[in-house]
Each structure stands twice: as structure tokens, then as C-alpha cells.
Amino acid sequence: MIIWLASYPKSGNTWLRAFLTSLMYEKDGKSNLKNLNFIRQYPLRSDFKDLVYDFKKINDVTKNWSVTQDRINLDKKIKFLKTHHISCKINGYNFTNQKNTLGTIYIVRDPRNVVSSIKNHFSKTMKEAIEFLTNDYKWIGVDWNNKTPDLSSNEDLDDKFPTLIGSWKTHYNLWKQTKNNFLLVKYENMLNNPDEEFRRITNFLSKFINKKFDEDKIKKAIENNSFNKLKAQEQKDGFDEAVFDKNLKKTRNFFHLGPNNNWKKLLDEDTKSFIEDKFYNEMKELNYL
């Protein structure tokens, strides 16, 4: 069954994947960004092979969410899947269900810092990044104005999949409604108190995977996946999730500011106030305000 690692984009999902990859799949808790696909993304085009032929026909996609997850779970093994998709119902079809889902770890990050990361990663102006963050109907992975390319002609397009992320607020509010085996993780806690927060995560997982995690390996996985070490690893060996142009030339690193992404230094008063007003209830609930 699936354990979801769900988050709004630029909220720490890759960091958590790196930690879990080191803990679950690497010897001695070593870190290797090239092996992050042990915890791969959902949905991918390949998940819908022989089911969907035009990915702009959203009803064809939504009615096959459960079908594709049934196929993923045929081996009856526990697996982690990363997703940025909102946990929604479209045209009567749920994004996932209890039959296919064993647990969910939801990573949330202060939207005042998310907006700066969105601006950098997606090459937006601050105005565009704010619009991105607050758009309840925001999709990524598809250009509705152009023909959707055929996966069979280019495997590199596998992750270019219509993914509804909505606004930061909508994303959080929908995923937190998950009723069973749900763990909320704050990016800020992973940053400021990694020993406690990552152990909290492993304690949660121990309930489902019947595994006692080695304390020494947890410690090494935390150390080897610090932001600075991940950034150095990307600079040395590259990272597939960095930003590339249409000629596959890297334009920006994936690991950018990390702990130095501080809204107090990066946002003007109007932008800060707008985000706080827009997401007041959620930020208050999460103790961001």
C-alpha cells in the first residue's frame, strides 16, 4: 500500500525523500540524490499507460486514479510516493482512497517563505509567484494552450503530468482532512530541530512497516541530508530535479537558499501583509502567526 509524502511545491518534500531514501535504501545512511527515485512521484504518465491517451481530458485521468493506484499496489508491498496533487474529488472520483493508502505524511511550510522559493524555481516575478500561491485552480505539469506531447515519443516527459495543486491554503485544508494515519510535519521543525522531527517521522512509520529503525543510522541520515550537504552534492554531481531549459541546459540549482530563505529579509511589507491576510486562519492554526 501507499504511504504518501504530500506537500505543496517547495515545502520540503525533496528533503524528506532524501532522508527516507538514506534511511530505507542506502547503506549506513549515506545520501545519494541520484537514488531519490526509490521514492518517485505520482502521478506520472507511465502510470496511465493504456488507460489515458489525451491527458487534457481530465475526466479520463480522474476516473483512472484508483485504477492506477490499484496497479501500483498489486505487489502488496509498502511503498512511498511523493505527490504535489491536492487530495480532492473531481467529477465524483477521489484522488486516493483508504483501500490504496496506508498512511500520509503531509509537509507544510510558512507561505511567506514558499513564495520566494516559487519565485526562484519557476522563474516568476514576485507578483506572479503570489498569484501562483493564491490560485485555487492552479495546475502544474501541463500547458493548456499547447498540444500535450505523447509519452511514447519521449520518456523524459513522464513527469509532465497535469497536476492540480490549487492554492497553498486549499492544498493544506484538503490534505489535513485525511482521517487515517496522518502525520503533519512542518518544514520549520525539520530545519530547527531535525533530531526530534525526523525521529517523530520514523516513529510514525514504525507503526506501519513493522521495522525498528537503527538509532545510529537515523543520526547519520539526518547528518548526511543537511541542506548544505545536499546543496554541495548537487553542485558536484548534478540533480535531475534542478531547473532545465528546453535544450536540457541547467538554468538554476534545485537547492537554492534553504535556511537563508527568510521572509523577514526577502519580502516587502505589502507582500507580507497580503499573504498573512489571505491565509490568516491557516497560518494562525499552524502557529505561523
Protein backbone atom coordinates (compact mmCIF):
# COMPACT_ATOMS: atom_id res chain seq x y z
CA MET A 1 0.00 0.00 0.00
CA ILE A 2 0.98 3.63 -0.45
CA ILE A 3 2.42 5.97 2.13
CA TRP A 4 2.04 9.44 0.66
CA LEU A 5 4.64 12.17 1.06
CA ALA A 6 2.35 15.05 0.16
CA SER A 7 3.11 18.75 0.06
CA TYR A 8 2.60 21.98 -1.78
CA PRO A 9 5.58 22.62 -4.11
CA LYS A 10 8.76 23.96 -2.48
CA SER A 11 7.80 22.89 1.02
CA GLY A 12 10.43 20.29 1.90
CA ASN A 13 9.18 17.16 0.15
CA THR A 14 12.53 16.50 -1.54
CA TRP A 15 14.36 16.92 1.76
CA LEU A 16 12.14 14.32 3.42
CA ARG A 17 12.55 11.97 0.44
CA ALA A 18 16.33 12.31 0.70
CA PHE A 19 16.24 11.44 4.41
CA LEU A 20 13.96 8.43 3.92
CA THR A 21 15.99 7.20 0.94
CA SER A 22 19.13 7.27 3.08
CA LEU A 23 17.34 5.52 5.93
CA MET A 24 15.47 2.87 3.95
CA TYR A 25 17.54 2.20 0.85
CA GLU A 26 21.14 3.31 1.41
CA LYS A 27 23.87 1.55 3.33
CA ASP A 28 24.99 3.31 6.53
CA GLY A 29 22.59 6.21 5.99
CA LYS A 30 24.57 7.68 3.12
CA SER A 31 22.98 10.31 0.88
CA ASN A 32 22.72 9.97 -2.89
CA LEU A 33 20.45 12.32 -4.83
CA LYS A 34 20.62 10.00 -7.83
CA ASN A 35 18.65 7.41 -5.88
CA LEU A 36 15.70 9.61 -4.91
CA ASN A 37 13.58 7.77 -7.46
CA PHE A 38 13.30 4.99 -4.90
CA ILE A 39 10.56 7.35 -3.73
CA ARG A 40 9.14 8.53 -7.00
CA GLN A 41 6.42 10.94 -7.97
CA TYR A 42 2.75 10.25 -8.52
CA PRO A 43 1.06 10.78 -10.87
CA LEU A 44 3.29 10.03 -13.86
CA ARG A 45 2.18 9.49 -17.44
CA SER A 46 3.53 5.96 -17.32
CA ASP A 47 1.07 5.17 -14.52
CA PHE A 48 -1.75 5.72 -17.01
CA LYS A 49 -0.29 3.71 -19.89
CA ASP A 50 -3.06 2.08 -21.96
CA LEU A 51 -5.64 3.98 -19.91
CA VAL A 52 -5.34 7.62 -20.95
CA TYR A 53 -4.27 8.89 -24.36
CA ASP A 54 -5.13 12.57 -24.10
CA PHE A 55 -4.04 13.96 -20.75
CA LYS A 56 -6.01 17.14 -21.26
CA LYS A 57 -9.20 15.13 -20.94
CA ILE A 58 -9.18 15.44 -17.19
CA ASN A 59 -12.15 13.14 -16.65
CA ASP A 60 -10.16 10.35 -18.33
CA VAL A 61 -7.42 10.97 -15.78
CA THR A 62 -9.59 11.27 -12.68
CA LYS A 63 -11.62 8.12 -13.34
CA ASN A 64 -8.35 6.18 -13.53
CA TRP A 65 -6.75 7.47 -10.31
CA SER A 66 -7.94 4.44 -8.34
CA VAL A 67 -7.20 2.07 -11.23
CA THR A 68 -3.58 3.19 -11.45
CA GLN A 69 -3.13 3.00 -7.68
CA ASP A 70 -4.65 -0.49 -7.70
CA ARG A 71 -1.99 -1.45 -10.24
CA ILE A 72 0.78 0.13 -8.17
CA ASN A 73 -0.38 -1.92 -5.18
CA LEU A 74 -0.61 -5.26 -7.00
CA ASP A 75 2.64 -6.43 -5.40
CA LYS A 76 1.08 -5.85 -1.96
CA LYS A 77 4.26 -4.13 -0.81
CA ILE A 78 4.52 -0.88 1.11
CA LYS A 79 5.87 1.97 -0.99
CA PHE A 80 6.38 5.70 -0.59
CA LEU A 81 5.06 8.05 -3.27
CA LYS A 82 5.71 11.78 -3.48
CA THR A 83 2.85 13.96 -4.65
CA HIS A 84 2.03 17.65 -5.02
CA HIS A 85 -1.54 16.91 -6.12
CA ILE A 86 -4.32 18.09 -3.86
CA SER A 87 -6.39 15.43 -2.12
CA CYS A 88 -9.61 16.19 -3.95
CA LYS A 89 -12.67 14.76 -5.65
CA ILE A 90 -13.24 15.66 -9.31
CA ASN A 91 -16.26 14.50 -11.27
CA GLY A 92 -17.06 12.06 -8.48
CA TYR A 93 -13.60 10.48 -8.41
CA ASN A 94 -11.33 10.72 -5.37
CA PHE A 95 -7.61 11.29 -5.80
CA THR A 96 -6.97 8.34 -3.49
CA ASN A 97 -8.85 6.11 -1.08
CA GLN A 98 -8.37 4.02 2.07
CA LYS A 99 -8.05 0.86 0.01
CA ASN A 100 -4.83 2.14 -1.56
CA THR A 101 -3.50 4.39 1.19
CA LEU A 102 -1.70 3.11 4.27
CA GLY A 103 -0.63 6.50 5.62
CA THR A 104 0.12 10.12 4.77
CA ILE A 105 2.92 12.44 5.80
CA TYR A 106 2.00 16.00 4.91
CA ILE A 107 4.80 18.58 4.86
CA VAL A 108 3.78 22.21 5.27
CA ARG A 109 5.91 25.37 5.13
CA ASP A 110 5.29 29.01 6.01
CA PRO A 111 3.78 30.51 2.82
CA ARG A 112 5.84 33.67 3.30
CA ASN A 113 8.89 31.54 2.57
CA VAL A 114 7.22 29.33 -0.02
CA VAL A 115 6.53 32.35 -2.22
CA SER A 116 10.26 33.15 -2.51
CA SER A 117 11.05 29.56 -3.48
CA ILE A 118 8.24 29.55 -6.03
CA LYS A 119 9.61 32.78 -7.48
CA ASN A 120 13.07 31.28 -7.94
CA HIS A 121 12.19 27.76 -9.03
CA PHE A 122 9.53 28.69 -11.56
CA SER A 123 11.24 31.91 -12.78
CA LYS A 124 8.39 34.15 -11.66
CA THR A 125 8.20 37.78 -10.69
CA MET A 126 7.06 38.27 -7.11
CA LYS A 127 3.63 39.30 -8.41
CA GLU A 128 3.41 36.09 -10.45
CA ALA A 129 4.62 33.99 -7.51
CA ILE A 130 1.89 35.44 -5.29
CA GLU A 131 -0.70 34.68 -7.97
CA PHE A 132 0.68 31.12 -8.18
CA LEU A 133 0.41 30.71 -4.39
CA THR A 134 -3.14 32.04 -4.11
CA ASN A 135 -4.76 30.48 -7.22
CA ASP A 136 -7.30 27.86 -6.10
CA TYR A 137 -7.33 26.41 -9.64
CA LYS A 138 -3.58 26.25 -10.19
CA TRP A 139 -2.24 23.39 -12.32
CA ILE A 140 1.37 22.46 -12.97
CA GLY A 141 2.88 19.98 -15.42
CA VAL A 142 0.72 20.97 -18.36
CA ASP A 143 0.40 23.87 -20.79
CA TRP A 144 -3.28 24.02 -21.66
CA ASN A 145 -2.52 26.16 -24.72
CA ASN A 146 -0.28 23.61 -26.42
CA LYS A 147 -0.72 20.04 -27.52
CA THR A 148 0.13 17.56 -24.81
CA PRO A 149 3.14 15.55 -26.04
CA ASP A 150 2.97 11.78 -26.40
CA LEU A 151 4.96 9.86 -23.80
CA SER A 152 5.86 7.18 -26.31
CA SER A 153 7.98 9.68 -28.24
CA ASN A 154 9.99 10.99 -25.27
CA GLU A 155 10.38 9.23 -21.92
CA ASP A 156 11.70 12.46 -20.38
CA LEU A 157 8.14 13.77 -20.46
CA ASP A 158 6.94 11.23 -17.90
CA ASP A 159 6.70 13.79 -15.10
CA LYS A 160 5.00 16.41 -17.28
CA PHE A 161 1.59 15.46 -15.98
CA PRO A 162 -1.47 17.64 -15.28
CA THR A 163 -1.27 18.12 -11.52
CA LEU A 164 -3.83 20.21 -9.68
CA ILE A 165 -2.15 21.90 -6.73
CA GLY A 166 -4.60 24.74 -6.07
CA SER A 167 -3.54 27.44 -3.65
CA TRP A 168 -1.33 26.93 -0.60
CA LYS A 169 -4.46 27.29 1.54
CA THR A 170 -6.60 24.83 -0.42
CA HIS A 171 -3.80 22.29 -0.60
CA TYR A 172 -3.31 22.28 3.16
CA ASN A 173 -7.02 22.28 4.01
CA LEU A 174 -7.82 19.33 1.75
CA TRP A 175 -4.95 17.10 2.80
CA LYS A 176 -5.46 17.72 6.53
CA GLN A 177 -8.91 16.15 6.20
CA THR A 178 -7.20 12.77 5.82
CA LYS A 179 -8.78 10.68 8.55
CA ASN A 180 -6.47 7.69 8.97
CA ASN A 181 -2.76 7.52 9.75
CA PHE A 182 -1.99 11.17 9.07
CA LEU A 183 1.14 12.97 10.24
CA LEU A 184 1.60 16.71 9.83
CA VAL A 185 5.24 17.79 9.53
CA LYS A 186 6.38 21.40 9.50
CA TYR A 187 9.38 22.32 7.37
CA GLU A 188 10.49 24.69 10.10
CA ASN A 189 10.67 21.86 12.63
CA MET A 190 12.83 19.78 10.28
CA LEU A 191 15.08 22.82 9.95
CA ASN A 192 15.26 23.98 13.55
CA ASN A 193 15.04 20.68 15.40
CA PRO A 194 15.94 17.90 12.94
CA ASP A 195 16.78 15.25 15.54
CA GLU A 196 13.36 15.49 17.16
CA GLU A 197 11.33 15.93 13.96
CA PHE A 198 12.92 13.18 11.89
CA ARG A 199 12.64 10.78 14.83
CA ARG A 200 8.99 11.74 15.10
CA ILE A 201 8.64 10.73 11.46
CA THR A 202 10.40 7.40 11.95
CA ASN A 203 8.23 6.67 15.00
CA PHE A 204 5.14 7.27 12.88
CA LEU A 205 6.39 4.96 10.12
CA SER A 206 7.34 2.22 12.57
CA LYS A 207 3.64 1.65 13.23
CA PHE A 208 3.06 0.51 9.64
CA ILE A 209 6.21 -1.02 8.28
CA ASN A 210 6.98 -3.25 11.27
CA LYS A 211 10.55 -2.06 11.44
CA LYS A 212 12.70 -0.79 14.26
CA PHE A 213 14.95 1.90 12.86
CA ASP A 214 18.56 1.84 13.96
CA GLU A 215 19.31 4.95 16.01
CA ASP A 216 22.81 5.32 14.61
CA LYS A 217 21.51 5.11 11.05
CA ILE A 218 18.83 7.73 11.79
CA LYS A 219 21.53 10.06 13.09
CA LYS A 220 23.70 9.51 10.02
CA ALA A 221 20.75 10.00 7.64
CA ILE A 222 19.94 13.32 9.33
CA GLU A 223 23.56 14.48 9.15
CA ASN A 224 24.09 13.37 5.55
CA ASN A 225 20.96 15.14 4.35
CA SER A 226 21.52 18.57 5.84
CA PHE A 227 20.72 21.36 3.38
CA ASN A 228 24.38 22.31 2.96
CA LYS A 229 25.41 18.72 2.18
CA LEU A 230 22.58 18.25 -0.31
CA LYS A 231 23.47 21.54 -1.99
CA ALA A 232 27.15 20.56 -2.21
CA GLN A 233 26.16 17.20 -3.65
CA GLU A 234 24.05 18.88 -6.34
CA GLN A 235 26.88 21.25 -7.25
CA LYS A 236 29.30 18.34 -7.58
CA ASP A 237 27.16 15.65 -9.22
CA GLY A 238 24.07 17.47 -10.51
CA PHE A 239 20.45 16.75 -9.71
CA ASP A 240 17.69 15.68 -12.09
CA GLU A 241 15.14 17.92 -10.36
CA ALA A 242 17.09 21.12 -10.98
CA VAL A 243 15.58 23.59 -13.46
CA PHE A 244 16.48 22.96 -17.10
CA ASP A 245 15.57 24.88 -20.25
CA LYS A 246 14.12 23.30 -23.39
CA ASN A 247 17.65 22.41 -24.54
CA LEU A 248 18.24 20.48 -21.28
CA LYS A 249 20.71 23.08 -20.08
CA LYS A 250 20.52 23.68 -16.34
CA THR A 251 19.42 27.21 -15.53
CA ARG A 252 19.09 27.06 -11.72
CA ASN A 253 20.03 24.73 -8.90
CA PHE A 254 17.26 22.95 -7.06
CA PHE A 255 18.81 23.67 -3.66
CA HIS A 256 18.84 27.46 -3.54
CA LEU A 257 18.58 29.37 -0.24
CA GLY A 258 17.34 26.78 2.23
CA PRO A 259 17.74 28.17 5.77
CA ASN A 260 18.62 31.57 4.29
CA ASN A 261 15.19 31.86 2.70
CA ASN A 262 13.92 34.23 5.35
CA TRP A 263 10.76 36.17 4.56
CA LYS A 264 11.76 38.84 7.08
CA LYS A 265 14.66 39.76 4.79
CA LEU A 266 13.12 38.99 1.40
CA LEU A 267 9.53 40.28 1.48
CA ASP A 268 8.36 43.85 1.48
CA GLU A 269 5.65 44.87 3.91
CA ASP A 270 2.84 44.84 1.33
CA THR A 271 3.65 41.31 0.17
CA LYS A 272 3.97 40.02 3.73
CA SER A 273 0.67 41.61 4.77
CA PHE A 274 -1.15 40.32 1.69
CA ILE A 275 -0.09 36.69 2.33
CA GLU A 276 -0.88 36.92 6.04
CA ASP A 277 -4.33 38.31 5.30
CA LYS A 278 -5.04 35.77 2.55
CA PHE A 279 -4.05 32.78 4.70
CA TYR A 280 -4.75 34.17 8.16
CA ASN A 281 -6.79 31.25 9.55
CA GLU A 282 -4.41 28.57 8.32
CA MET A 283 -1.27 30.43 9.42
CA LYS A 284 -2.82 31.03 12.83
CA GLU A 285 -3.71 27.35 13.13
CA LEU A 286 -0.12 26.40 12.27
CA ASN A 287 1.36 28.98 14.66
CA TYR A 288 2.94 30.95 11.84
CA LEU A 289 1.12 33.99 13.22
